[in-house]
Protein backbone atom coordinates (compact mmCIF):
# COMPACT_ATOMS: atom_id res chain seq x y z
CA MET A 1 -21.16 -29.70 4.92
CA ALA A 2 -19.60 -29.78 1.44
CA GLU A 3 -22.29 -27.38 0.24
CA SER A 4 -21.53 -25.02 3.11
CA ALA A 5 -17.81 -25.10 2.30
CA ALA A 6 -18.56 -24.37 -1.36
CA GLN A 7 -20.78 -21.46 -0.38
CA THR A 8 -18.08 -20.06 1.91
CA ARG A 9 -15.58 -20.30 -0.92
CA ARG A 10 -17.90 -18.44 -3.31
CA GLN A 11 -18.48 -15.72 -0.75
CA ASP A 12 -14.75 -15.39 -0.13
CA ILE A 13 -14.10 -15.04 -3.86
CA LEU A 14 -16.80 -12.38 -4.17
CA LEU A 15 -15.44 -10.50 -1.17
CA ILE A 16 -11.83 -10.64 -2.38
CA THR A 17 -12.95 -9.44 -5.82
CA LEU A 18 -14.95 -6.51 -4.47
CA LEU A 19 -12.16 -5.40 -2.13
CA GLY A 20 -9.61 -5.83 -4.90
CA VAL A 21 -11.62 -3.57 -7.22
CA ALA A 22 -11.98 -0.98 -4.45
CA HIS A 23 -8.23 -1.12 -3.76
CA GLY A 24 -7.50 -0.81 -7.48
CA LEU A 25 -9.72 2.30 -7.53
CA SER A 26 -7.72 3.89 -4.70
CA HIS A 27 -4.45 3.31 -6.60
CA PHE A 28 -6.15 4.57 -9.78
CA PHE A 29 -6.73 7.93 -8.08
CA HIS A 30 -3.02 8.24 -7.24
CA LEU A 31 -2.48 8.99 -10.92
CA VAL A 32 -5.69 10.67 -12.08
CA ILE A 33 -4.34 14.22 -11.70
CA PRO A 34 -0.76 13.47 -12.91
CA SER A 35 -2.18 11.74 -15.99
CA LEU A 36 -4.00 14.96 -16.92
CA PHE A 37 -1.06 17.34 -16.39
CA ALA A 38 -0.64 17.83 -20.15
CA TRP A 39 -4.15 19.30 -20.39
CA ILE A 40 -4.50 21.02 -17.01
CA MET A 41 -1.18 22.92 -17.06
CA PRO A 42 -1.78 24.89 -20.29
CA GLU A 43 -5.34 25.76 -19.31
CA PHE A 44 -4.45 27.04 -15.83
CA GLY A 45 -0.95 28.26 -16.72
CA THR A 46 0.77 26.24 -14.02
CA SER A 47 4.32 24.91 -13.67
CA PHE A 48 5.44 21.40 -12.79
CA ALA A 49 6.41 22.67 -9.34
CA GLN A 50 2.87 23.97 -8.79
CA MET A 51 1.35 20.68 -9.92
CA GLY A 52 3.81 18.83 -7.71
CA SER A 53 2.53 20.78 -4.72
CA VAL A 54 -0.99 19.60 -5.56
CA MET A 55 0.16 15.99 -5.37
CA THR A 56 2.02 16.70 -2.13
CA VAL A 57 -1.34 17.70 -0.64
CA PHE A 58 -2.75 14.37 -1.82
CA PHE A 59 -0.05 12.27 -0.16
CA ILE A 60 0.14 14.27 3.06
CA THR A 61 -3.64 14.07 3.44
CA SER A 62 -3.55 10.36 2.69
CA SER A 63 -0.75 9.69 5.18
CA LEU A 64 -2.34 11.62 8.06
CA GLY A 65 -5.79 10.33 7.21
CA GLN A 66 -4.68 6.70 7.15
CA ALA A 67 -3.84 6.58 10.85
CA ALA A 68 -7.06 8.40 11.76
CA SER A 69 -9.21 6.25 9.50
CA GLY A 70 -7.84 3.12 11.16
CA VAL A 71 -9.34 4.26 14.47
CA LEU A 72 -12.63 5.11 12.72
CA VAL A 73 -12.71 1.66 11.11
CA ASP A 74 -12.46 -0.03 14.50
CA ARG A 75 -15.00 2.33 16.05
CA PHE A 76 -17.70 2.60 13.38
CA GLY A 77 -17.09 -0.44 11.20
CA ALA A 78 -14.98 -1.13 8.13
CA ARG A 79 -17.88 -1.36 5.68
CA ILE A 80 -19.21 2.14 6.41
CA CYS A 81 -15.70 3.60 6.23
CA LEU A 82 -15.08 1.82 2.92
CA TYR A 83 -18.25 3.32 1.48
CA ALA A 84 -17.14 6.75 2.69
CA GLY A 85 -13.72 6.33 1.07
CA VAL A 86 -15.18 5.45 -2.32
CA ALA A 87 -17.69 8.31 -2.03
CA LEU A 88 -14.83 10.74 -1.32
CA LEU A 89 -13.01 9.53 -4.43
CA ALA A 90 -16.16 10.07 -6.50
CA SER A 91 -16.48 13.58 -5.08
CA ALA A 92 -12.83 14.28 -5.86
CA GLY A 93 -13.25 13.23 -9.49
CA LEU A 94 -16.35 15.38 -9.96
CA LEU A 95 -14.80 18.38 -8.18
CA LEU A 96 -11.71 18.09 -10.38
CA ALA A 97 -13.93 18.02 -13.46
CA SER A 98 -15.59 21.29 -12.39
CA ALA A 99 -12.36 23.08 -11.36
CA GLN A 100 -12.38 26.73 -12.40
CA GLY A 101 -8.76 27.48 -11.58
CA TYR A 102 -5.52 26.24 -10.07
CA ALA A 103 -6.73 26.74 -6.48
CA TRP A 104 -9.57 24.28 -7.08
CA LEU A 105 -7.06 21.48 -7.58
CA PHE A 106 -6.05 21.51 -3.91
CA PRO A 107 -9.45 20.57 -2.42
CA ALA A 108 -9.86 17.95 -5.16
CA ALA A 109 -6.48 16.45 -4.23
CA ALA A 110 -7.30 16.62 -0.51
CA LEU A 111 -10.62 14.82 -1.06
CA ALA A 112 -8.86 12.14 -3.09
CA GLY A 113 -6.20 11.79 -0.39
CA LEU A 114 -8.83 11.42 2.32
CA GLY A 115 -10.63 8.81 0.25
CA ASN A 116 -7.41 6.95 -0.41
CA SER A 117 -6.58 6.88 3.31
CA VAL A 118 -9.48 4.59 4.12
CA PHE A 119 -8.72 1.56 1.98
CA HIS A 120 -5.84 -0.17 3.74
CA PRO A 121 -7.36 -0.17 7.25
CA ALA A 122 -10.88 -0.94 5.97
CA ASP A 123 -9.93 -3.62 3.44
CA TYR A 124 -7.52 -5.47 5.72
CA SER A 125 -9.95 -5.31 8.62
CA ILE A 126 -12.66 -6.88 6.46
CA MET A 127 -10.38 -9.52 4.99
CA ASN A 128 -9.00 -10.57 8.35
CA ARG A 129 -12.52 -10.92 9.75
CA ALA A 130 -14.35 -12.42 6.79
CA VAL A 131 -12.00 -14.45 4.59
CA HIS A 132 -11.34 -18.04 5.63
CA GLY A 133 -7.86 -18.45 7.12
CA ASP A 134 -6.71 -20.88 4.39
CA ARG A 135 -7.48 -18.32 1.70
CA LEU A 136 -6.22 -15.26 3.54
CA PRO A 137 -2.64 -15.27 2.12
CA PHE A 138 -4.09 -15.41 -1.40
CA ALA A 139 -6.52 -12.62 -0.53
CA PHE A 140 -3.59 -10.42 0.50
CA SER A 141 -1.73 -11.36 -2.67
CA ILE A 142 -4.65 -10.55 -4.99
CA HIS A 143 -5.39 -7.34 -3.10
CA SER A 144 -1.85 -6.06 -3.76
CA ILE A 145 -1.84 -7.10 -7.42
CA VAL A 146 -5.15 -5.41 -8.22
CA GLY A 147 -3.84 -2.25 -6.57
CA ASN A 148 -0.90 -2.35 -9.02
CA ILE A 149 -3.37 -2.82 -11.88
CA GLY A 150 -5.10 0.36 -10.77
CA TRP A 151 -1.79 2.21 -11.14
CA ALA A 152 -1.33 0.77 -14.64
CA LEU A 153 -4.86 1.59 -15.83
CA ALA A 154 -5.05 5.21 -14.68
CA PRO A 155 -2.72 6.83 -17.26
CA VAL A 156 -4.15 4.73 -20.08
CA MET A 157 -7.79 5.43 -19.25
CA MET A 158 -7.36 9.12 -18.39
CA VAL A 159 -5.34 9.91 -21.52
CA ALA A 160 -7.72 7.88 -23.71
CA ALA A 161 -10.79 9.62 -22.26
CA ALA A 162 -9.27 13.08 -22.55
CA SER A 163 -8.09 12.42 -26.11
CA ALA A 164 -11.39 10.90 -27.24
CA THR A 165 -13.56 13.68 -25.81
CA GLY A 166 -11.11 16.54 -26.27
CA SER A 167 -11.68 17.46 -22.63
CA TRP A 168 -9.67 16.62 -19.55
CA ARG A 169 -12.77 17.51 -17.51
CA ALA A 170 -14.66 14.65 -19.12
CA ALA A 171 -11.82 12.32 -18.20
CA ALA A 172 -11.88 13.52 -14.57
CA ALA A 173 -15.67 13.15 -14.49
CA SER A 174 -15.35 9.59 -15.83
CA ALA A 175 -13.11 8.76 -12.85
CA GLY A 176 -15.88 10.04 -10.58
CA VAL A 177 -18.49 7.96 -12.43
CA VAL A 178 -16.33 4.83 -12.14
CA SER A 179 -16.14 5.44 -8.39
CA ILE A 180 -19.93 5.71 -8.17
CA LEU A 181 -20.27 2.39 -10.01
CA VAL A 182 -17.80 0.74 -7.61
CA LEU A 183 -19.73 2.18 -4.65
CA LEU A 184 -22.96 0.78 -6.08
CA ALA A 185 -21.38 -2.68 -6.43
CA LEU A 186 -20.18 -2.55 -2.81
CA VAL A 187 -23.57 -1.45 -1.46
CA LEU A 188 -25.49 -4.09 -3.43
CA ASN A 189 -23.25 -6.79 -1.91
CA HIS A 190 -23.20 -5.32 1.61
CA ALA A 191 -23.98 -8.61 3.34
CA VAL A 192 -20.69 -10.21 2.29
CA PHE A 193 -18.70 -7.60 4.26
CA ASP A 194 -20.25 -8.50 7.61
CA ARG A 195 -19.14 -12.14 7.71
CA THR A 196 -16.67 -13.26 10.41
CA SER A 197 -15.37 -16.60 9.10
CA GLY A 198 -11.77 -15.37 9.00
CA LEU A 199 -11.43 -14.72 12.71
CA ASP A 200 -10.42 -18.30 13.57
CA GLY A 201 -11.90 -17.91 17.04
CA LEU A 202 -10.32 -14.52 17.64
CA SER A 203 -12.23 -12.75 20.39
CA GLU A 204 -14.26 -9.68 19.55
CA GLN A 205 -13.72 -8.35 23.07
CA LYS A 206 -11.11 -5.69 23.82
CA ASP A 207 -7.71 -7.15 24.55
CA LYS A 208 -7.02 -7.23 28.26
CA ARG A 209 -3.40 -6.32 27.79
CA ALA A 210 -4.36 -3.20 25.78
CA GLU A 211 -6.74 -2.11 28.52
CA ALA A 212 -4.08 -2.70 31.17
CA LEU A 213 -1.58 -0.60 29.24
CA GLY A 214 -4.02 2.29 29.10
CA LYS A 215 -5.21 2.04 32.69
CA ALA A 216 -1.64 1.97 33.95
CA ASP A 217 -1.48 5.61 32.92
CA GLY A 218 -4.89 6.40 34.38
CA GLN A 219 -6.56 6.57 30.98
CA SER A 220 -10.17 5.63 30.34
CA SER A 221 -10.83 2.20 28.88
CA THR A 222 -12.13 3.81 25.67
CA LEU A 223 -8.93 5.75 25.18
CA ALA A 224 -6.89 2.69 26.06
CA SER A 225 -8.62 0.58 23.44
CA SER A 226 -7.93 3.26 20.83
CA LEU A 227 -4.35 4.23 21.62
CA ALA A 228 -2.75 1.41 23.60
CA PHE A 229 -1.45 -0.20 20.41
CA LEU A 230 1.06 2.69 20.15
CA LYS A 231 2.80 1.30 23.25
CA ILE A 232 3.42 -2.06 21.59
CA ALA A 233 6.94 -2.47 20.21
CA ALA A 234 5.81 -4.92 17.50
CA VAL A 235 3.45 -2.32 16.02
CA TRP A 236 6.28 0.20 15.69
CA LEU A 237 8.51 -2.47 14.17
CA CYS A 238 5.84 -3.17 11.53
CA PHE A 239 5.63 0.59 10.87
CA LEU A 240 9.40 0.73 10.44
CA PHE A 241 9.28 -2.27 8.10
CA PHE A 242 6.93 -0.39 5.79
CA PHE A 243 9.04 2.76 6.12
CA CYS A 244 12.30 1.02 5.16
CA ASN A 245 10.76 -1.04 2.38
CA SER A 246 8.93 1.89 0.77
CA PHE A 247 11.95 4.19 1.19
CA ALA A 248 14.01 1.69 -0.79
CA PHE A 249 11.32 1.39 -3.46
CA GLY A 250 10.93 5.17 -3.57
CA ILE A 251 14.58 5.54 -4.55
CA LEU A 252 14.13 3.08 -7.40
CA GLN A 253 10.74 4.46 -8.45
CA ASN A 254 12.07 8.00 -8.78
CA PHE A 255 15.67 7.49 -9.86
CA ALA A 256 16.33 3.96 -11.23
CA PRO A 257 16.55 5.10 -14.89
CA SER A 258 18.95 7.93 -13.98
CA ILE A 259 21.05 5.65 -11.75
CA PHE A 260 21.52 2.95 -14.40
CA ARG A 261 22.24 5.43 -17.19
CA ALA A 262 25.01 6.90 -15.07
CA VAL A 263 26.46 3.69 -13.60
CA TYR A 264 26.16 1.37 -16.62
CA ASP A 265 25.93 3.89 -19.49
CA LEU A 266 22.65 2.35 -20.65
CA THR A 267 20.30 3.92 -23.16
CA LEU A 268 17.24 5.74 -21.87
CA GLU A 269 14.98 2.93 -23.10
CA VAL A 270 16.93 0.15 -21.34
CA SER A 271 17.44 2.11 -18.13
CA THR A 272 13.71 2.87 -18.00
CA ALA A 273 12.98 -0.81 -18.63
CA SER A 274 14.91 -1.60 -15.43
CA LEU A 275 12.01 -0.27 -13.37
CA THR A 276 9.55 -2.24 -15.48
CA ALA A 277 11.62 -5.38 -14.81
CA TYR A 278 11.45 -4.69 -11.08
CA ILE A 279 7.66 -4.22 -11.17
CA LEU A 280 7.13 -7.37 -13.25
CA GLY A 281 9.35 -9.33 -10.87
CA SER A 282 7.45 -7.91 -7.92
CA THR A 283 4.10 -8.90 -9.43
CA ALA A 284 5.31 -12.46 -10.01
CA GLY A 285 6.63 -12.50 -6.44
CA ILE A 286 3.31 -11.37 -5.00
CA LEU A 287 1.54 -14.17 -6.85
CA ALA A 288 4.02 -16.75 -5.55
CA GLY A 289 4.04 -15.11 -2.13
CA GLY A 290 0.46 -16.15 -1.43
CA TRP A 291 1.45 -19.82 -1.64
CA VAL A 292 4.62 -19.22 0.35
CA ALA A 293 2.75 -17.38 3.11
CA LYS A 294 0.31 -20.28 3.41
CA ALA A 295 3.07 -22.89 3.49
CA PHE A 296 5.26 -21.12 6.07
CA THR A 297 3.52 -19.70 9.13
CA ARG A 298 6.65 -17.93 10.41
CA SER A 299 6.04 -14.84 8.27
CA GLU A 300 9.11 -13.01 9.51
CA ARG A 301 11.38 -15.80 8.24
CA VAL A 302 9.81 -15.64 4.77
CA ILE A 303 10.36 -11.88 4.77
CA ALA A 304 13.95 -12.28 5.96
CA CYS A 305 14.87 -14.76 3.21
CA SER A 306 13.17 -12.96 0.33
CA MET A 307 14.22 -9.43 1.33
CA THR A 308 17.81 -10.55 1.93
CA MET A 309 17.85 -11.83 -1.64
CA SER A 310 16.67 -8.42 -2.81
CA ALA A 311 19.39 -6.67 -0.79
CA VAL A 312 22.05 -8.91 -2.32
CA MET A 313 20.78 -8.03 -5.82
CA ALA A 314 21.03 -4.32 -4.98
CA LEU A 315 24.62 -4.74 -3.76
CA ILE A 316 25.62 -6.67 -6.89
CA LEU A 317 24.15 -3.88 -9.02
CA ALA A 318 26.03 -1.27 -6.98
CA SER A 319 29.31 -3.19 -7.39
CA GLU A 320 29.05 -3.32 -11.24
CA LEU A 321 30.54 -6.84 -11.05
CA LEU A 322 28.33 -8.42 -13.73
CA GLY A 323 28.17 -5.64 -16.30
CA SER A 324 25.30 -3.90 -18.04
CA MET A 325 23.65 -7.12 -19.27
CA SER A 326 22.85 -8.01 -15.66
CA VAL A 327 20.77 -4.92 -14.87
CA LEU A 328 17.37 -6.14 -16.06
CA PRO A 329 17.55 -9.70 -14.59
CA LEU A 330 18.97 -8.43 -11.28
CA MET A 331 16.23 -5.80 -11.01
CA ALA A 332 13.63 -8.48 -11.75
CA LEU A 333 15.09 -10.69 -9.01
CA MET A 334 15.11 -7.77 -6.58
CA GLY A 335 11.44 -7.14 -7.32
CA LEU A 336 10.71 -10.86 -6.98
CA GLY A 337 12.12 -10.91 -3.45
CA VAL A 338 10.13 -7.87 -2.37
CA GLY A 339 6.99 -9.32 -3.97
CA ILE A 340 7.30 -12.68 -2.21
CA ALA A 341 7.51 -10.82 1.11
CA THR A 342 4.29 -8.85 0.47
CA PRO A 343 1.61 -11.37 1.57
CA SER A 344 3.79 -12.48 4.49
CA ARG A 345 4.19 -8.89 5.64
CA ASP A 346 0.39 -8.57 5.87
CA MET A 347 0.21 -11.90 7.71
CA LEU A 348 2.86 -10.55 10.11
CA ILE A 349 0.66 -7.57 10.95
CA ARG A 350 -2.31 -9.90 11.39
CA GLY A 351 -0.24 -11.94 13.81
CA THR A 352 0.62 -8.80 15.76
CA CYS A 353 -3.08 -7.98 16.11
CA LYS A 354 -3.98 -11.51 17.16
CA SER A 355 -1.15 -11.78 19.67
CA LEU A 356 -1.57 -8.41 21.31
CA LEU A 357 -4.77 -6.54 20.61
CA GLY A 358 -7.59 -8.73 19.33
CA ALA A 359 -9.96 -8.44 16.36
CA GLY A 360 -11.01 -4.92 17.26
CA SER A 361 -7.53 -3.59 16.44
CA PHE A 362 -7.23 -4.54 12.77
CA GLY A 363 -8.21 -1.12 11.43
CA ARG A 364 -5.96 1.02 13.58
CA VAL A 365 -2.92 -1.27 13.38
CA TYR A 366 -3.07 -1.69 9.59
CA GLY A 367 -3.83 2.02 9.21
CA PHE A 368 -0.89 3.09 11.37
CA THR A 369 1.66 0.64 9.98
CA TYR A 370 0.75 1.46 6.37
CA CYS A 371 1.49 5.13 7.19
CA GLY A 372 5.11 4.04 7.18
CA MET A 373 4.75 3.37 3.47
CA ASP A 374 3.57 6.92 2.73
CA VAL A 375 6.29 8.47 4.91
CA GLY A 376 9.03 6.38 3.29
CA GLN A 377 7.97 7.23 -0.25
CA THR A 378 7.65 10.91 0.64
CA LEU A 379 11.17 11.11 2.10
CA ALA A 380 12.95 8.95 -0.49
CA PRO A 381 13.35 11.60 -3.22
CA LEU A 382 14.27 14.26 -0.67
CA VAL A 383 17.17 12.16 0.68
CA ALA A 384 18.32 10.38 -2.49
CA GLY A 385 18.04 13.43 -4.78
CA PRO A 386 20.99 15.32 -3.24
CA LEU A 387 23.00 12.09 -3.24
CA LEU A 388 22.58 11.79 -7.00
CA ASP A 389 23.28 15.49 -7.48
CA ALA A 390 26.65 14.78 -5.86
CA GLN A 391 27.21 11.98 -8.45
CA HIS A 392 27.00 9.16 -5.88
CA PHE A 393 24.86 6.92 -8.08
CA SER A 394 26.19 3.56 -6.87
CA LEU A 395 25.85 4.70 -3.28
CA ALA A 396 22.11 5.13 -3.88
CA LEU A 397 21.92 1.41 -4.70
CA VAL A 398 23.86 0.61 -1.54
CA MET A 399 21.29 2.67 0.35
CA VAL A 400 18.53 0.54 -1.18
CA ALA A 401 20.31 -2.60 0.07
CA VAL A 402 20.82 -1.15 3.57
CA LEU A 403 17.15 -0.19 3.82
CA GLN A 404 16.08 -3.67 2.75
CA VAL A 405 18.35 -5.20 5.41
CA CYS A 406 16.79 -2.84 7.95
CA ALA A 407 13.37 -4.06 6.81
CA VAL A 408 14.52 -7.62 7.51
CA ALA A 409 15.64 -6.63 11.00
CA THR A 410 12.30 -4.98 11.80
CA ALA A 411 10.34 -7.99 10.55
CA MET A 412 12.42 -10.39 12.64
CA GLY A 413 11.96 -8.13 15.66
CA ALA A 414 8.19 -8.09 15.21
CA GLY A 415 8.18 -11.87 14.91
CA ARG A 416 10.16 -12.26 18.13
CA GLU A 417 7.73 -9.93 19.94
CA GLN A 418 4.81 -12.09 18.86
CA LEU A 419 6.49 -15.33 19.94
CA HIS A 420 7.41 -13.83 23.30
CA LEU A 421 3.82 -12.90 24.03
CA GLN A 422 2.43 -16.21 22.77
CA HIS A 423 4.64 -18.09 25.24
């Protein structure tokens, strides 16, 4: 029995590692093209606005594809969809390397966006099915951290490859080659993806409530099993949680240095470091959040406490009560609160699936709810930019706090929905 437990643990570690690397690759491709702007723009004679439109194609494709890929994951299997996602990223890297003009960048970005859209629904579906329940919060924590590492590595590796070879095409091709190597590692370890130890007895059959929701409208059972989750309030609350949380982060990601230079008269270096402090705090919070999520099963309460702390930090920053010396520690504390909530937020979505839809819904629910993240980050600069143009810098921080409070409300609402259905 002890040997079996040890073997399960080894398999879980292997699985978490492989999925973490794949997730890191998806985040890596967020920044492959931006990292090569300095080489691509002179060669093709493009402006920043033109290159920005290329990245808009990436994120729109990723957002729309994420909801669709969630349905495909549940229908055809997460492993096959994961392979397809990595293959699309490899194709995007190689197509980018062979681009003969500005127009070629759009299909490369679209391929990368389609590939990126697969990872959240596929990875979370596999983890929920295969990783033992005791290790699942840590799996979610590691998955998020390795994704952040992918963001950090992309500019370093792309710039280093382009500088060393004297060719941005070689750097783009190297991203494609890395993707092929990751795909090879996934295929060689295919058996580990088909385990079901993480289900904790969760039925593989279609949820009766989902079927009833679909049949009430005269739909076929197949359509009901695919779309009935959209009639569940808890699913929409999880979507709104991601939307509010990512909207708040999008404001900071795009404008934190400008906000703190204006409000606190900080130097460019210190104001830029404010975002670094937030990210470091968030990373520490994600690490701690795995233990917290395991210790406290009421995920919505963990989210409420940690995100409320973050909102308070944002309000203190907006008030200017503590002076310029407080900016870095308060930003770190804000990031810490958001980070602690991260594994619990994924456990909250898992609970929604278990309470309402069954194991067959992991892909589509995670895919749909994570769309809220893309939508929030897309809208954040469009809404906050005019606010800053009007010199309302402190008000932008108040908006961050309000959005984080809204995220708390959506998480608590989703938790209440789950409890209602469980009783």
